[in-house]
Amino acid sequence: MDIIVDTFADPRLPFSPSELADLVRCLARTLQISLHGLVVRITHDQEMAELHARFAGGLGPTNVLSFPTDDPGRLGDLVLSADTVAREAELYLQPFRAYAARLVAHGLLHLAGLPHGPEMDALTDLAVAECAADVPGFAWGEP
């Protein structure tokens, strides 16, 4: 797994690359998803808006995008906008880390081929709850 943090990402992002890697590993273990060939990129709204328009036809930035691959040796790419995640966590009155964990789990499930729906929601809740107990020092309740 590769973690790439864009230098222009929102400074409110309270993750070090190693903390984010620990979280991703815990979520993937809980969801029984292999991380072989996964790239996680944390970026800013400008790049996310460009990716959203180019690959999903969307307007403006979004919180997370998943790019699955047909290569059996790679899971795919997961891109989060630190700006949007921080803004939405504040808007929804959610602790940043817990909200970001939900989005990472959501993106991993998309990479594994799961569509939106009740099953995805339940698995996301399960993974976040389990990792809240398993990732020591993650400070889930902090903003």
N, C-alpha and C. Protein backbone atom coordinates (compact mmCIF):
# COMPACT_ATOMS: atom_id res chain seq x y z
N MET A 1 0.86 -1.17 0.00
CA MET A 1 0.00 0.00 0.00
C MET A 1 0.90 1.23 0.00
N ASP A 2 0.55 2.19 -0.84
CA ASP A 2 1.26 3.46 -0.88
C ASP A 2 0.33 4.55 -0.37
N ILE A 3 0.85 5.41 0.48
CA ILE A 3 0.11 6.56 0.98
C ILE A 3 0.80 7.80 0.42
N ILE A 4 0.05 8.63 -0.29
CA ILE A 4 0.58 9.86 -0.86
C ILE A 4 -0.21 11.02 -0.27
N VAL A 5 0.48 11.93 0.40
CA VAL A 5 -0.18 13.11 0.95
C VAL A 5 0.34 14.31 0.19
N ASP A 6 -0.56 14.96 -0.54
CA ASP A 6 -0.21 16.13 -1.33
C ASP A 6 0.22 17.26 -0.38
N THR A 7 1.27 17.94 -0.72
CA THR A 7 1.79 19.00 0.15
C THR A 7 0.82 20.17 0.27
N PHE A 8 -0.15 20.28 -0.65
CA PHE A 8 -1.10 21.38 -0.58
C PHE A 8 -2.38 20.99 0.16
N ALA A 9 -2.41 19.80 0.74
CA ALA A 9 -3.62 19.35 1.41
C ALA A 9 -3.94 20.25 2.61
N ASP A 10 -5.19 20.30 2.96
CA ASP A 10 -5.67 21.13 4.05
C ASP A 10 -4.90 20.81 5.34
N PRO A 11 -4.37 21.83 6.01
CA PRO A 11 -3.60 21.58 7.22
C PRO A 11 -4.45 21.05 8.38
N ARG A 12 -5.77 21.07 8.23
CA ARG A 12 -6.63 20.50 9.28
C ARG A 12 -6.57 18.97 9.28
N LEU A 13 -5.94 18.38 8.25
CA LEU A 13 -5.84 16.93 8.17
C LEU A 13 -5.00 16.42 9.34
N PRO A 14 -5.60 15.73 10.29
CA PRO A 14 -4.85 15.34 11.49
C PRO A 14 -4.25 13.94 11.41
N PHE A 15 -3.80 13.53 10.25
CA PHE A 15 -3.20 12.21 10.08
C PHE A 15 -1.75 12.36 9.68
N SER A 16 -0.93 11.53 10.22
CA SER A 16 0.39 11.34 9.62
C SER A 16 0.20 10.19 8.62
N PRO A 17 1.09 10.06 7.65
CA PRO A 17 0.96 8.93 6.73
C PRO A 17 0.94 7.58 7.45
N SER A 18 1.71 7.43 8.53
CA SER A 18 1.71 6.13 9.23
C SER A 18 0.40 5.90 9.97
N GLU A 19 -0.21 6.96 10.54
CA GLU A 19 -1.52 6.81 11.19
C GLU A 19 -2.59 6.42 10.16
N LEU A 20 -2.55 7.06 9.01
CA LEU A 20 -3.50 6.74 7.96
C LEU A 20 -3.31 5.30 7.48
N ALA A 21 -2.07 4.87 7.34
CA ALA A 21 -1.79 3.50 6.92
C ALA A 21 -2.33 2.50 7.94
N ASP A 22 -2.15 2.79 9.24
CA ASP A 22 -2.69 1.91 10.29
C ASP A 22 -4.21 1.81 10.18
N LEU A 23 -4.85 2.95 9.96
CA LEU A 23 -6.31 2.97 9.83
C LEU A 23 -6.76 2.16 8.62
N VAL A 24 -6.12 2.39 7.48
CA VAL A 24 -6.50 1.67 6.25
C VAL A 24 -6.32 0.17 6.45
N ARG A 25 -5.21 -0.24 7.07
CA ARG A 25 -4.98 -1.68 7.31
C ARG A 25 -6.06 -2.26 8.21
N CYS A 26 -6.44 -1.54 9.27
CA CYS A 26 -7.49 -2.03 10.17
C CYS A 26 -8.82 -2.15 9.44
N LEU A 27 -9.20 -1.13 8.70
CA LEU A 27 -10.48 -1.17 7.97
C LEU A 27 -10.49 -2.32 6.97
N ALA A 28 -9.40 -2.47 6.23
CA ALA A 28 -9.33 -3.54 5.23
C ALA A 28 -9.38 -4.91 5.87
N ARG A 29 -8.70 -5.06 7.00
CA ARG A 29 -8.72 -6.36 7.72
C ARG A 29 -10.15 -6.68 8.16
N THR A 30 -10.83 -5.70 8.72
CA THR A 30 -12.20 -5.89 9.18
C THR A 30 -13.14 -6.22 8.02
N LEU A 31 -12.92 -5.55 6.90
CA LEU A 31 -13.78 -5.75 5.72
C LEU A 31 -13.33 -6.93 4.85
N GLN A 32 -12.22 -7.55 5.24
CA GLN A 32 -11.64 -8.69 4.50
C GLN A 32 -11.33 -8.31 3.06
N ILE A 33 -10.64 -7.17 2.92
CA ILE A 33 -10.22 -6.67 1.60
C ILE A 33 -8.70 -6.68 1.57
N SER A 34 -8.13 -7.29 0.56
CA SER A 34 -6.68 -7.29 0.38
C SER A 34 -6.23 -5.91 -0.08
N LEU A 35 -5.15 -5.41 0.50
CA LEU A 35 -4.65 -4.09 0.14
C LEU A 35 -3.57 -4.14 -0.93
N HIS A 36 -3.38 -5.30 -1.53
CA HIS A 36 -2.33 -5.44 -2.53
C HIS A 36 -2.57 -4.47 -3.68
N GLY A 37 -1.61 -3.60 -3.91
CA GLY A 37 -1.73 -2.67 -5.03
C GLY A 37 -2.60 -1.46 -4.76
N LEU A 38 -2.90 -1.17 -3.49
CA LEU A 38 -3.72 0.00 -3.16
C LEU A 38 -2.83 1.24 -3.07
N VAL A 39 -3.31 2.32 -3.66
CA VAL A 39 -2.68 3.63 -3.49
C VAL A 39 -3.74 4.54 -2.87
N VAL A 40 -3.39 5.17 -1.74
CA VAL A 40 -4.27 6.14 -1.09
C VAL A 40 -3.62 7.51 -1.27
N ARG A 41 -4.37 8.42 -1.85
CA ARG A 41 -3.85 9.77 -2.07
C ARG A 41 -4.73 10.77 -1.34
N ILE A 42 -4.09 11.62 -0.56
CA ILE A 42 -4.79 12.72 0.11
C ILE A 42 -4.43 13.98 -0.67
N THR A 43 -5.44 14.68 -1.15
CA THR A 43 -5.18 15.84 -1.99
C THR A 43 -6.04 17.02 -1.54
N HIS A 44 -6.14 18.01 -2.37
CA HIS A 44 -6.86 19.24 -2.08
C HIS A 44 -8.04 19.38 -3.04
N ASP A 45 -8.89 20.34 -2.76
CA ASP A 45 -10.13 20.51 -3.53
C ASP A 45 -9.90 20.75 -5.02
N GLN A 46 -8.88 21.51 -5.37
CA GLN A 46 -8.67 21.82 -6.78
C GLN A 46 -8.41 20.54 -7.58
N GLU A 47 -7.50 19.71 -7.10
CA GLU A 47 -7.24 18.46 -7.82
C GLU A 47 -8.45 17.53 -7.78
N MET A 48 -9.13 17.48 -6.63
CA MET A 48 -10.29 16.60 -6.53
C MET A 48 -11.39 17.04 -7.49
N ALA A 49 -11.60 18.34 -7.65
CA ALA A 49 -12.60 18.83 -8.59
C ALA A 49 -12.25 18.40 -10.02
N GLU A 50 -10.97 18.46 -10.36
CA GLU A 50 -10.52 18.03 -11.69
C GLU A 50 -10.77 16.53 -11.89
N LEU A 51 -10.43 15.73 -10.89
CA LEU A 51 -10.65 14.27 -10.98
C LEU A 51 -12.14 13.95 -11.06
N HIS A 52 -12.94 14.64 -10.24
CA HIS A 52 -14.38 14.42 -10.20
C HIS A 52 -15.01 14.71 -11.56
N ALA A 53 -14.60 15.82 -12.18
CA ALA A 53 -15.14 16.18 -13.49
C ALA A 53 -14.68 15.18 -14.55
N ARG A 54 -13.41 14.87 -14.54
CA ARG A 54 -12.83 14.01 -15.59
C ARG A 54 -13.33 12.58 -15.54
N PHE A 55 -13.44 12.02 -14.35
CA PHE A 55 -13.75 10.59 -14.25
C PHE A 55 -15.18 10.26 -13.83
N ALA A 56 -15.87 11.23 -13.22
CA ALA A 56 -17.24 10.94 -12.76
C ALA A 56 -18.26 11.92 -13.32
N GLY A 57 -17.78 12.90 -14.09
CA GLY A 57 -18.70 13.87 -14.66
C GLY A 57 -19.32 14.80 -13.64
N GLY A 58 -18.72 14.88 -12.45
CA GLY A 58 -19.27 15.71 -11.39
C GLY A 58 -18.75 17.13 -11.44
N LEU A 59 -19.45 18.01 -10.75
CA LEU A 59 -19.07 19.41 -10.69
C LEU A 59 -18.52 19.71 -9.31
N GLY A 60 -17.34 20.25 -9.23
CA GLY A 60 -16.73 20.61 -7.96
C GLY A 60 -16.09 19.42 -7.27
N PRO A 61 -15.47 19.69 -6.12
CA PRO A 61 -14.79 18.61 -5.40
C PRO A 61 -15.79 17.70 -4.71
N THR A 62 -15.37 16.49 -4.45
CA THR A 62 -16.15 15.55 -3.65
C THR A 62 -15.22 15.04 -2.55
N ASN A 63 -15.75 14.28 -1.61
CA ASN A 63 -14.94 13.86 -0.47
C ASN A 63 -14.01 12.69 -0.81
N VAL A 64 -14.51 11.70 -1.52
CA VAL A 64 -13.70 10.52 -1.83
C VAL A 64 -14.06 9.99 -3.22
N LEU A 65 -13.04 9.53 -3.93
CA LEU A 65 -13.23 8.86 -5.21
C LEU A 65 -12.47 7.54 -5.17
N SER A 66 -13.07 6.51 -5.74
CA SER A 66 -12.43 5.20 -5.84
C SER A 66 -12.21 4.88 -7.31
N PHE A 67 -11.01 4.38 -7.59
CA PHE A 67 -10.66 4.01 -8.95
C PHE A 67 -10.24 2.55 -8.97
N PRO A 68 -11.21 1.63 -9.12
CA PRO A 68 -10.86 0.21 -9.18
C PRO A 68 -10.06 -0.09 -10.45
N THR A 69 -9.39 -1.21 -10.44
CA THR A 69 -8.61 -1.61 -11.60
C THR A 69 -8.99 -3.03 -12.02
N ASP A 70 -8.78 -3.32 -13.28
CA ASP A 70 -9.01 -4.69 -13.77
C ASP A 70 -7.78 -5.56 -13.56
N ASP A 71 -6.67 -4.96 -13.16
CA ASP A 71 -5.43 -5.69 -12.93
C ASP A 71 -5.59 -6.56 -11.69
N PRO A 72 -5.50 -7.89 -11.81
CA PRO A 72 -5.69 -8.75 -10.65
C PRO A 72 -4.64 -8.55 -9.57
N GLY A 73 -3.55 -7.87 -9.88
CA GLY A 73 -2.51 -7.61 -8.90
C GLY A 73 -2.66 -6.31 -8.15
N ARG A 74 -3.71 -5.54 -8.48
CA ARG A 74 -3.92 -4.23 -7.84
C ARG A 74 -5.36 -4.05 -7.42
N LEU A 75 -5.55 -3.51 -6.20
CA LEU A 75 -6.89 -3.17 -5.74
C LEU A 75 -7.39 -1.92 -6.45
N GLY A 76 -6.54 -0.89 -6.53
CA GLY A 76 -6.92 0.36 -7.19
C GLY A 76 -6.45 1.55 -6.40
N ASP A 77 -7.02 2.70 -6.70
CA ASP A 77 -6.63 3.96 -6.07
C ASP A 77 -7.82 4.56 -5.32
N LEU A 78 -7.51 5.15 -4.18
CA LEU A 78 -8.49 5.82 -3.35
C LEU A 78 -7.98 7.24 -3.14
N VAL A 79 -8.81 8.23 -3.48
CA VAL A 79 -8.39 9.63 -3.37
C VAL A 79 -9.37 10.35 -2.46
N LEU A 80 -8.83 11.04 -1.46
CA LEU A 80 -9.65 11.85 -0.55
C LEU A 80 -9.21 13.30 -0.65
N SER A 81 -10.17 14.22 -0.63
CA SER A 81 -9.85 15.63 -0.55
C SER A 81 -9.85 16.03 0.92
N ALA A 82 -8.68 16.37 1.44
CA ALA A 82 -8.58 16.79 2.84
C ALA A 82 -9.45 18.02 3.09
N ASP A 83 -9.51 18.92 2.12
CA ASP A 83 -10.32 20.13 2.26
C ASP A 83 -11.80 19.79 2.44
N THR A 84 -12.31 18.96 1.55
CA THR A 84 -13.73 18.61 1.59
C THR A 84 -14.06 17.78 2.83
N VAL A 85 -13.21 16.84 3.17
CA VAL A 85 -13.46 16.00 4.34
C VAL A 85 -13.50 16.87 5.60
N ALA A 86 -12.56 17.79 5.73
CA ALA A 86 -12.54 18.67 6.91
C ALA A 86 -13.79 19.55 6.95
N ARG A 87 -14.15 20.10 5.80
CA ARG A 87 -15.33 20.98 5.72
C ARG A 87 -16.61 20.22 6.06
N GLU A 88 -16.76 19.02 5.50
CA GLU A 88 -17.97 18.23 5.75
C GLU A 88 -18.04 17.74 7.20
N ALA A 89 -16.91 17.34 7.76
CA ALA A 89 -16.91 16.89 9.16
C ALA A 89 -17.41 18.02 10.05
N GLU A 90 -16.95 19.22 9.78
CA GLU A 90 -17.39 20.39 10.54
C GLU A 90 -18.88 20.64 10.31
N LEU A 91 -19.30 20.60 9.06
CA LEU A 91 -20.70 20.83 8.71
C LEU A 91 -21.62 19.82 9.38
N TYR A 92 -21.22 18.54 9.39
CA TYR A 92 -22.05 17.48 9.95
C TYR A 92 -21.80 17.25 11.43
N LEU A 93 -20.97 18.11 12.04
CA LEU A 93 -20.64 18.02 13.47
C LEU A 93 -20.09 16.64 13.83
N GLN A 94 -19.21 16.14 12.99
CA GLN A 94 -18.58 14.83 13.20
C GLN A 94 -17.12 15.02 13.56
N PRO A 95 -16.58 14.20 14.45
CA PRO A 95 -15.13 14.25 14.67
C PRO A 95 -14.43 13.91 13.35
N PHE A 96 -13.42 14.69 13.01
CA PHE A 96 -12.77 14.56 11.71
C PHE A 96 -12.29 13.14 11.45
N ARG A 97 -11.59 12.56 12.41
CA ARG A 97 -11.00 11.24 12.18
C ARG A 97 -12.06 10.16 11.96
N ALA A 98 -13.13 10.22 12.72
CA ALA A 98 -14.20 9.23 12.55
C ALA A 98 -14.89 9.41 11.19
N TYR A 99 -15.10 10.66 10.80
CA TYR A 99 -15.73 10.92 9.50
C TYR A 99 -14.81 10.45 8.37
N ALA A 100 -13.54 10.77 8.47
CA ALA A 100 -12.57 10.33 7.46
C ALA A 100 -12.51 8.81 7.40
N ALA A 101 -12.57 8.14 8.54
CA ALA A 101 -12.54 6.67 8.57
C ALA A 101 -13.73 6.10 7.83
N ARG A 102 -14.90 6.71 7.99
CA ARG A 102 -16.10 6.25 7.27
C ARG A 102 -15.89 6.37 5.76
N LEU A 103 -15.30 7.47 5.33
CA LEU A 103 -15.08 7.67 3.90
C LEU A 103 -14.04 6.70 3.35
N VAL A 104 -13.01 6.41 4.12
CA VAL A 104 -12.01 5.44 3.68
C VAL A 104 -12.65 4.06 3.56
N ALA A 105 -13.45 3.66 4.56
CA ALA A 105 -14.13 2.36 4.50
C ALA A 105 -15.06 2.33 3.29
N HIS A 106 -15.80 3.40 3.07
CA HIS A 106 -16.71 3.50 1.93
C HIS A 106 -15.95 3.32 0.61
N GLY A 107 -14.83 4.02 0.49
CA GLY A 107 -14.03 3.90 -0.73
C GLY A 107 -13.45 2.51 -0.92
N LEU A 108 -12.98 1.88 0.16
CA LEU A 108 -12.46 0.51 0.06
C LEU A 108 -13.54 -0.45 -0.41
N LEU A 109 -14.75 -0.27 0.10
CA LEU A 109 -15.85 -1.15 -0.31
C LEU A 109 -16.17 -0.97 -1.80
N HIS A 110 -16.11 0.27 -2.28
CA HIS A 110 -16.29 0.48 -3.72
C HIS A 110 -15.19 -0.22 -4.51
N LEU A 111 -13.94 -0.12 -4.05
CA LEU A 111 -12.84 -0.80 -4.74
C LEU A 111 -13.05 -2.31 -4.77
N ALA A 112 -13.71 -2.83 -3.74
CA ALA A 112 -13.99 -4.26 -3.67
C ALA A 112 -15.22 -4.64 -4.49
N GLY A 113 -15.88 -3.64 -5.10
CA GLY A 113 -17.01 -3.93 -5.99
C GLY A 113 -18.38 -3.76 -5.37
N LEU A 114 -18.47 -3.25 -4.15
CA LEU A 114 -19.78 -3.10 -3.50
C LEU A 114 -20.42 -1.77 -3.89
N PRO A 115 -21.69 -1.78 -4.29
CA PRO A 115 -22.38 -0.53 -4.62
C PRO A 115 -22.98 0.11 -3.36
N HIS A 116 -23.47 1.34 -3.52
CA HIS A 116 -24.16 2.00 -2.41
C HIS A 116 -25.38 1.18 -2.00
N GLY A 117 -25.72 1.26 -0.72
CA GLY A 117 -26.92 0.58 -0.25
C GLY A 117 -26.77 0.16 1.20
N PRO A 118 -27.77 -0.53 1.72
CA PRO A 118 -27.78 -0.92 3.13
C PRO A 118 -26.59 -1.81 3.52
N GLU A 119 -26.18 -2.72 2.62
CA GLU A 119 -25.06 -3.58 2.94
C GLU A 119 -23.77 -2.76 3.11
N MET A 120 -23.55 -1.80 2.21
CA MET A 120 -22.36 -0.94 2.33
C MET A 120 -22.42 -0.13 3.62
N ASP A 121 -23.57 0.41 3.94
CA ASP A 121 -23.71 1.20 5.16
C ASP A 121 -23.41 0.36 6.41
N ALA A 122 -23.95 -0.84 6.44
CA ALA A 122 -23.74 -1.72 7.60
C ALA A 122 -22.28 -2.12 7.73
N LEU A 123 -21.64 -2.47 6.62
CA LEU A 123 -20.23 -2.85 6.67
C LEU A 123 -19.34 -1.67 7.06
N THR A 124 -19.68 -0.48 6.59
CA THR A 124 -18.93 0.71 6.97
C THR A 124 -19.03 0.94 8.46
N ASP A 125 -20.26 0.87 9.01
CA ASP A 125 -20.46 1.05 10.44
C ASP A 125 -19.66 0.02 11.24
N LEU A 126 -19.71 -1.23 10.80
CA LEU A 126 -19.00 -2.31 11.49
C LEU A 126 -17.49 -2.05 11.51
N ALA A 127 -16.94 -1.72 10.35
CA ALA A 127 -15.49 -1.51 10.24
C ALA A 127 -15.04 -0.33 11.08
N VAL A 128 -15.77 0.77 11.03
CA VAL A 128 -15.38 1.95 11.81
C VAL A 128 -15.47 1.66 13.30
N ALA A 129 -16.52 0.97 13.72
CA ALA A 129 -16.66 0.63 15.14
C ALA A 129 -15.53 -0.28 15.60
N GLU A 130 -15.20 -1.27 14.81
CA GLU A 130 -14.14 -2.19 15.19
C GLU A 130 -12.79 -1.49 15.24
N CYS A 131 -12.53 -0.64 14.27
CA CYS A 131 -11.23 0.04 14.23
C CYS A 131 -11.11 1.11 15.30
N ALA A 132 -12.23 1.67 15.73
CA ALA A 132 -12.19 2.63 16.83
C ALA A 132 -11.63 1.96 18.08
N ALA A 133 -11.88 0.68 18.23
CA ALA A 133 -11.36 -0.07 19.38
C ALA A 133 -9.96 -0.61 19.12
N ASP A 134 -9.60 -0.84 17.85
CA ASP A 134 -8.35 -1.51 17.51
C ASP A 134 -7.17 -0.60 17.18
N VAL A 135 -7.42 0.65 16.85
CA VAL A 135 -6.32 1.53 16.47
C VAL A 135 -5.99 2.40 17.68
N PRO A 136 -4.99 1.99 18.48
CA PRO A 136 -4.68 2.72 19.71
C PRO A 136 -4.19 4.13 19.43
N GLY A 137 -4.60 5.05 20.29
CA GLY A 137 -4.15 6.42 20.16
C GLY A 137 -4.73 7.18 18.99
N PHE A 138 -5.76 6.63 18.37
CA PHE A 138 -6.30 7.30 17.19
C PHE A 138 -7.13 8.53 17.52
N ALA A 139 -7.55 8.68 18.77
CA ALA A 139 -8.29 9.87 19.23
C ALA A 139 -9.54 10.11 18.38
N TRP A 140 -10.42 9.13 18.36
CA TRP A 140 -11.62 9.17 17.51
C TRP A 140 -12.53 10.35 17.81
N GLY A 141 -12.60 10.75 19.06
CA GLY A 141 -13.52 11.83 19.41
C GLY A 141 -12.98 13.22 19.17
N GLU A 142 -11.70 13.32 18.79
CA GLU A 142 -11.13 14.65 18.57
C GLU A 142 -11.60 15.20 17.23
N PRO A 143 -11.73 16.53 17.16
CA PRO A 143 -12.16 17.14 15.90
C PRO A 143 -11.19 16.93 14.77
